């Protein structure tokens, strides 16, 4: 095969452009500090990188959900802790009022404090976070038709005893029993709220639509018995009901503690996975700068050598022969 000067020149231009493209590639990698900037650079690596980025996005979402659930449960646990403190104080007042040595004025004064404790625990039951009620189930906000909505309200109903009519107080629950859940893993929905019925032992009386509650009713009973001077009733029954209510609140806090432990373990696992996947993504995409500088210098030398070689093989001119 006859090799012409034109073939030599074309081959030289092709090889020179190839070397220049490789040189430009290393320069671009150093400028971006990324080994891969388009799929053609490494098709297999780009697929792995996309999968890792998807996994990292999922981890970010799950971590945000876990943080929200932990914050909600933390507020719920605090509310129940304060409610327990109220019952500690109510038990002390019950023991004082049951002694049988207190005059009527003293019993009324104790009853007044118990009524304040009742209002306080209703306030706690209506606790909210970021404008959402903690113990309303999924009914966490007021609707347009319920501008004054609160999960718990103190109400009165008429009762008859020996042909005498009197008002009986009770606490009404306006929330629902539905659960709030969030995704903390692929296909893992975690329930993180405690409904008002669960937290305060609420039960609806179907006969008159009123509500009963071991928590609220024990305080109402204590107040009523103090005002009526029924110290024996306090000793024999009410003190036990107060302890039962306190035990119920402690049990609810125990369940919340178990959920918090699970979320904290999940949070630690997600943080570990985030570190591992980030490292894998870095190894897949990021550039080894020292190695790339070596390749860049080598490619520069190749390019310069190609230029020098081309200068020697290009068709000499008459002036070159006269030198």
Protein backbone atom coordinates (compact mmCIF):
# COMPACT_ATOMS: atom_id res chain seq x y z
CA UNK A 1 0.00 0.00 0.00
CA UNK A 2 1.33 3.37 -0.99
CA UNK A 3 1.48 5.84 1.90
CA UNK A 4 1.04 9.37 0.72
CA UNK A 5 1.91 12.57 2.44
CA UNK A 6 -1.81 13.37 2.77
CA UNK A 7 -2.42 10.10 4.64
CA UNK A 8 0.41 10.93 7.04
CA UNK A 9 -0.98 14.38 7.70
CA UNK A 10 -4.54 13.09 8.27
CA UNK A 11 -3.35 10.37 10.64
CA UNK A 12 -1.28 12.91 12.52
CA UNK A 13 -4.25 15.27 12.90
CA UNK A 14 -6.48 12.42 14.12
CA UNK A 15 -3.94 11.25 16.71
CA UNK A 16 -3.19 14.79 17.81
CA UNK A 17 -6.90 15.49 18.38
CA UNK A 18 -7.21 12.24 20.33
CA UNK A 19 -4.34 13.25 22.62
CA UNK A 20 -5.82 16.73 22.99
CA UNK A 21 -9.20 15.26 24.00
CA UNK A 22 -7.55 13.12 26.67
CA UNK A 23 -5.66 16.17 27.92
CA UNK A 24 -8.90 18.19 28.03
CA UNK A 25 -10.62 15.34 29.91
CA UNK A 26 -8.02 15.36 32.69
CA UNK A 27 -8.18 19.15 32.87
CA UNK A 28 -11.99 18.99 33.20
CA UNK A 29 -11.77 16.34 35.92
CA UNK A 30 -9.37 18.48 37.94
CA UNK A 31 -11.60 21.53 37.50
CA UNK A 32 -14.75 19.71 38.69
CA UNK A 33 -13.03 17.30 41.12
CA UNK A 34 -15.33 14.61 39.71
CA UNK A 35 -14.23 11.47 37.88
CA UNK A 36 -17.61 11.17 36.16
CA UNK A 37 -19.43 14.09 34.57
CA UNK A 38 -21.52 12.26 31.96
CA UNK A 39 -22.67 8.66 31.45
CA UNK A 40 -20.15 7.97 28.71
CA UNK A 41 -17.29 8.47 31.16
CA UNK A 42 -18.17 5.24 33.00
CA UNK A 43 -21.63 3.71 32.31
CA UNK A 44 -21.42 1.14 35.12
CA UNK A 45 -20.24 3.67 37.70
CA UNK A 46 -22.93 6.18 36.73
CA UNK A 47 -25.65 3.56 37.33
CA UNK A 48 -24.21 2.79 40.78
CA UNK A 49 -23.95 6.50 41.54
CA UNK A 50 -27.60 7.10 40.63
CA UNK A 51 -28.67 4.22 42.87
CA UNK A 52 -26.58 5.55 45.74
CA UNK A 53 -28.03 9.03 45.31
CA UNK A 54 -31.53 7.56 45.40
CA UNK A 55 -30.68 5.65 48.58
CA UNK A 56 -29.24 8.80 50.17
CA UNK A 57 -32.41 10.75 49.28
CA UNK A 58 -34.51 8.04 50.94
CA UNK A 59 -32.29 8.10 54.03
CA UNK A 60 -32.70 11.89 54.25
CA UNK A 61 -36.49 11.51 54.09
CA UNK A 62 -36.56 8.72 56.67
CA UNK A 63 -34.26 10.69 58.99
CA UNK A 64 -36.54 13.73 58.80
CA UNK A 65 -39.53 11.51 59.61
CA UNK A 66 -37.71 9.98 62.58
CA UNK A 67 -36.77 13.43 63.88
CA UNK A 68 -40.40 14.55 63.64
CA UNK A 69 -41.67 11.43 65.42
CA UNK A 70 -39.05 11.79 68.16
CA UNK A 71 -40.00 15.43 68.69
CA UNK A 72 -43.71 14.52 68.87
CA UNK A 73 -43.12 11.66 71.31
CA UNK A 74 -40.83 13.85 73.40
CA UNK A 75 -43.57 16.46 73.78
CA UNK A 76 -46.11 13.73 74.55
CA UNK A 77 -43.89 12.21 77.20
CA UNK A 78 -43.31 15.60 78.82
CA UNK A 79 -47.06 16.25 78.94
CA UNK A 80 -47.73 12.92 80.64
CA UNK A 81 -44.84 13.55 83.04
CA UNK A 82 -46.43 16.83 84.15
CA UNK A 83 -49.78 15.05 84.43
CA UNK A 84 -48.15 12.53 86.74
CA UNK A 85 -46.80 15.36 88.90
CA UNK A 86 -50.35 16.67 89.22
CA UNK A 87 -51.53 13.32 90.55
CA UNK A 88 -48.67 13.17 92.99
CA UNK A 89 -49.90 16.46 94.40
CA UNK A 90 -53.56 15.31 94.26
CA UNK A 91 -52.67 12.20 96.27
CA UNK A 92 -51.04 14.37 98.93
CA UNK A 93 -54.15 16.53 99.12
CA UNK A 94 -56.37 13.43 99.29
CA UNK A 95 -54.42 12.09 102.26
CA UNK A 96 -54.66 15.48 103.97
CA UNK A 97 -58.37 15.80 103.29
CA UNK A 98 -59.14 12.25 104.45
CA UNK A 99 -57.73 12.75 107.94
CA UNK A 100 -61.16 13.69 109.35
CA UNK A 101 -59.73 16.52 111.46
CA UNK A 102 -60.14 19.31 108.91
CA UNK A 103 -62.92 21.90 109.32
CA UNK A 104 -65.26 22.58 106.44
CA UNK A 105 -63.35 25.71 105.36
CA UNK A 106 -60.13 23.71 105.11
CA UNK A 107 -61.80 21.01 103.04
CA UNK A 108 -63.21 23.66 100.70
CA UNK A 109 -59.76 25.20 100.34
CA UNK A 110 -58.29 21.79 99.48
CA UNK A 111 -61.13 21.24 96.99
CA UNK A 112 -60.34 24.60 95.38
CA UNK A 113 -56.75 23.47 94.82
CA UNK A 114 -57.96 20.15 93.40
CA UNK A 115 -60.17 22.08 90.96
CA UNK A 116 -57.12 24.04 89.86
CA UNK A 117 -55.27 20.76 89.34
CA UNK A 118 -58.18 19.54 87.21
CA UNK A 119 -58.06 22.63 85.03
CA UNK A 120 -54.30 22.30 84.78
CA UNK A 121 -54.42 18.69 83.61
CA UNK A 122 -57.08 19.59 81.03
CA UNK A 123 -54.71 22.27 79.82
CA UNK A 124 -51.96 19.66 79.59
CA UNK A 125 -54.31 17.31 77.71
CA UNK A 126 -54.82 20.14 75.19
CA UNK A 127 -51.08 20.55 74.67
CA UNK A 128 -49.99 21.26 71.11
CA UNK A 129 -46.85 21.28 69.02
CA UNK A 130 -46.47 23.52 65.99
CA UNK A 131 -50.19 24.28 66.16
CA UNK A 132 -51.21 20.61 66.30
CA UNK A 133 -52.85 19.02 69.34
CA UNK A 134 -50.85 16.11 70.74
CA UNK A 135 -53.78 14.05 72.02
CA UNK A 136 -56.43 14.66 69.35
CA UNK A 137 -55.68 11.59 67.26
CA UNK A 138 -55.62 12.72 63.64
CA UNK A 139 -57.93 15.62 64.51
CA UNK A 140 -55.05 17.92 65.38
CA UNK A 141 -56.45 21.24 64.17
CA UNK A 142 -59.71 23.14 64.29
CA UNK A 143 -61.80 23.09 61.14
CA UNK A 144 -63.58 26.16 59.77
CA UNK A 145 -66.76 24.93 61.42
CA UNK A 146 -65.00 24.39 64.75
CA UNK A 147 -63.05 27.57 65.31
CA UNK A 148 -62.90 26.97 69.07
CA UNK A 149 -62.05 23.27 68.84
CA UNK A 150 -60.08 21.69 71.67
CA UNK A 151 -59.67 17.95 72.22
CA UNK A 152 -60.77 18.14 75.88
CA UNK A 153 -63.49 20.25 77.48
CA UNK A 154 -64.92 20.33 81.00
CA UNK A 155 -68.69 19.80 80.83
CA UNK A 156 -71.63 19.35 83.22
CA UNK A 157 -74.61 17.00 83.06
CA UNK A 158 -77.74 16.85 85.18
CA UNK A 159 -78.07 13.88 87.55
CA UNK A 160 -80.88 12.80 89.88
CA UNK A 161 -80.25 11.28 93.30
CA UNK A 162 -83.18 10.57 95.65
CA UNK A 163 -85.39 12.90 93.62
CA UNK A 164 -82.82 15.68 93.91
CA UNK A 165 -81.22 17.14 90.80
CA UNK A 166 -77.60 18.22 90.73
CA UNK A 167 -74.89 18.94 88.18
CA UNK A 168 -72.14 16.38 87.64
CA UNK A 169 -68.91 17.46 85.95
CA UNK A 170 -67.12 15.39 83.33
CA UNK A 171 -64.43 15.92 80.69
CA UNK A 172 -65.49 15.48 77.09
CA UNK A 173 -63.13 14.17 74.41
CA UNK A 174 -63.60 15.82 71.01
CA UNK A 175 -60.72 14.14 69.20
CA UNK A 176 -60.69 10.73 67.51
CA UNK A 177 -58.96 7.38 68.00
CA UNK A 178 -57.07 7.36 64.71
CA UNK A 179 -53.32 6.89 64.60
CA UNK A 180 -50.69 9.07 63.00
CA UNK A 181 -47.93 7.16 61.22
CA UNK A 182 -44.77 8.04 59.31
CA UNK A 183 -42.42 6.02 57.13
CA UNK A 184 -39.08 5.35 58.83
CA UNK A 185 -37.86 2.71 56.38
CA UNK A 186 -38.81 1.10 53.11
CA UNK A 187 -42.34 -0.18 53.73
CA UNK A 188 -42.08 0.50 57.49
CA UNK A 189 -44.85 2.75 58.84
CA UNK A 190 -44.34 3.77 62.46
CA UNK A 191 -47.22 4.92 64.68
CA UNK A 192 -45.99 7.74 66.87
CA UNK A 193 -49.01 9.44 68.45
CA UNK A 194 -51.03 8.61 71.57
CA UNK A 195 -54.72 9.39 71.31
CA UNK A 196 -56.57 11.18 74.08
CA UNK A 197 -58.63 8.09 74.80
CA UNK A 198 -55.46 6.05 75.32
CA UNK A 199 -53.54 8.65 77.29
CA UNK A 200 -56.30 9.51 79.75
CA UNK A 201 -58.41 6.36 79.74
CA UNK A 202 -61.42 7.92 78.02
CA UNK A 203 -64.63 5.95 77.43
CA UNK A 204 -67.87 7.27 76.00
CA UNK A 205 -71.15 6.48 77.75
CA UNK A 206 -73.58 5.56 75.01
CA UNK A 207 -76.65 6.33 77.12
CA UNK A 208 -76.09 10.07 77.52
CA UNK A 209 -73.05 10.71 75.28
CA UNK A 210 -70.98 11.79 78.29
CA UNK A 211 -67.44 10.57 78.90
CA UNK A 212 -65.77 8.73 81.74
CA UNK A 213 -62.06 8.74 82.50
CA UNK A 214 -60.02 7.19 85.26
CA UNK A 215 -57.76 10.24 85.11
CA UNK A 216 -60.18 13.15 85.10
CA UNK A 217 -62.98 11.48 87.08
CA UNK A 218 -60.72 10.71 90.05
CA UNK A 219 -59.91 14.42 90.45
CA UNK A 220 -63.57 15.41 90.07
CA UNK A 221 -64.55 12.80 92.64
CA UNK A 222 -61.90 14.03 95.07
CA UNK A 223 -63.12 17.61 94.75
CA UNK A 224 -66.77 16.63 95.22
CA UNK A 225 -66.07 14.44 98.25
CA UNK A 226 -64.00 17.18 99.87
CA UNK A 227 -66.82 19.70 99.50
CA UNK A 228 -69.35 17.17 100.81
CA UNK A 229 -67.11 16.16 103.72
CA UNK A 230 -67.05 12.50 102.67
CA UNK A 231 -63.65 11.75 104.15
CA UNK A 232 -64.36 8.03 104.49
CA UNK A 233 -65.14 7.81 100.78
CA UNK A 234 -61.81 9.49 100.06
CA UNK A 235 -59.94 7.04 102.27
CA UNK A 236 -61.71 3.92 101.02
CA UNK A 237 -62.06 4.66 97.31
CA UNK A 238 -60.76 7.96 95.97
CA UNK A 239 -57.14 7.55 97.03
CA UNK A 240 -57.08 4.18 95.27
CA UNK A 241 -58.54 5.71 92.11
CA UNK A 242 -55.90 8.44 92.14
CA UNK A 243 -53.20 5.78 92.35
CA UNK A 244 -54.86 3.85 89.53
CA UNK A 245 -54.86 7.00 87.39
CA UNK A 246 -51.18 7.62 88.17
CA UNK A 247 -50.35 4.01 87.26
CA UNK A 248 -52.19 4.48 83.96
CA UNK A 249 -50.14 7.59 83.13
CA UNK A 250 -46.90 5.80 84.04
CA UNK A 251 -47.88 2.86 81.78
CA UNK A 252 -48.47 5.26 78.90
CA UNK A 253 -45.07 6.85 79.45
CA UNK A 254 -43.47 3.39 79.46
CA UNK A 255 -44.96 2.62 76.05
CA UNK A 256 -43.74 5.96 74.75
CA UNK A 257 -40.26 5.22 76.10
CA UNK A 258 -40.18 1.94 74.16
CA UNK A 259 -41.12 3.78 70.97
CA UNK A 260 -38.47 6.42 71.59
CA UNK A 261 -35.83 3.71 72.02
CA UNK A 262 -36.81 2.14 68.71
CA UNK A 263 -36.68 5.49 66.93
CA UNK A 264 -33.28 6.31 68.41
CA UNK A 265 -31.94 2.96 67.22
CA UNK A 266 -33.41 3.62 63.79
CA UNK A 267 -31.87 7.09 63.78
CA UNK A 268 -28.42 5.65 64.59
CA UNK A 269 -28.80 3.06 61.82
CA UNK A 270 -29.80 5.71 59.29
CA UNK A 271 -26.84 7.91 60.26
CA UNK A 272 -24.48 4.95 59.81
CA UNK A 273 -26.04 4.08 56.44
CA UNK A 274 -25.75 7.71 55.35
CA UNK A 275 -22.02 7.71 56.13
CA UNK A 276 -21.45 4.40 54.34
CA UNK A 277 -23.41 5.37 51.23
CA UNK A 278 -21.75 8.78 51.10
CA UNK A 279 -18.34 7.10 51.20
CA UNK A 280 -19.38 4.70 48.44
CA UNK A 281 -20.65 7.58 46.33
CA UNK A 282 -17.41 9.45 46.90
CA UNK A 283 -15.38 6.45 45.77
CA UNK A 284 -17.59 6.09 42.70
CA UNK A 285 -17.71 9.74 41.60
CA UNK A 286 -14.93 11.70 43.27
CA UNK A 287 -11.55 12.19 41.74
CA UNK A 288 -8.17 10.96 42.96
CA UNK A 289 -6.48 14.32 42.45
CA UNK A 290 -2.89 13.10 42.85
CA UNK A 291 -3.39 10.28 40.36
CA UNK A 292 -5.12 12.59 37.88
CA UNK A 293 -2.27 15.14 38.07
CA UNK A 294 0.18 12.35 37.20
CA UNK A 295 -2.00 11.36 34.22
CA UNK A 296 -2.31 15.02 33.19
CA UNK A 297 1.46 15.53 33.21
CA UNK A 298 1.98 12.32 31.26
CA UNK A 299 -0.64 13.37 28.72
CA UNK A 300 0.98 16.78 28.38
CA UNK A 301 4.28 15.09 27.57
CA UNK A 302 2.56 12.84 25.03
CA UNK A 303 0.87 15.84 23.42
CA UNK A 304 4.12 17.79 23.23
CA UNK A 305 5.90 14.77 21.77
CA UNK A 306 3.12 14.39 19.20
CA UNK A 307 3.52 18.03 18.20
CA UNK A 308 7.26 17.62 17.88
CA UNK A 309 6.88 14.45 15.82
CA UNK A 310 4.33 16.08 13.57
CA UNK A 311 6.66 18.98 12.93
CA UNK A 312 9.27 16.53 11.65
CA UNK A 313 7.05 14.44 9.39
CA UNK A 314 5.11 17.24 7.72
CA UNK A 315 6.14 17.76 4.07
CA UNK A 316 9.48 19.67 4.11
CA UNK A 317 9.66 22.90 2.17
CA UNK A 318 12.42 24.08 -0.18
CA UNK A 319 13.77 26.22 2.61
CA UNK A 320 14.29 23.09 4.78
CA UNK A 321 16.47 21.57 2.03
CA UNK A 322 18.52 24.76 1.69
CA UNK A 323 19.47 24.78 5.39
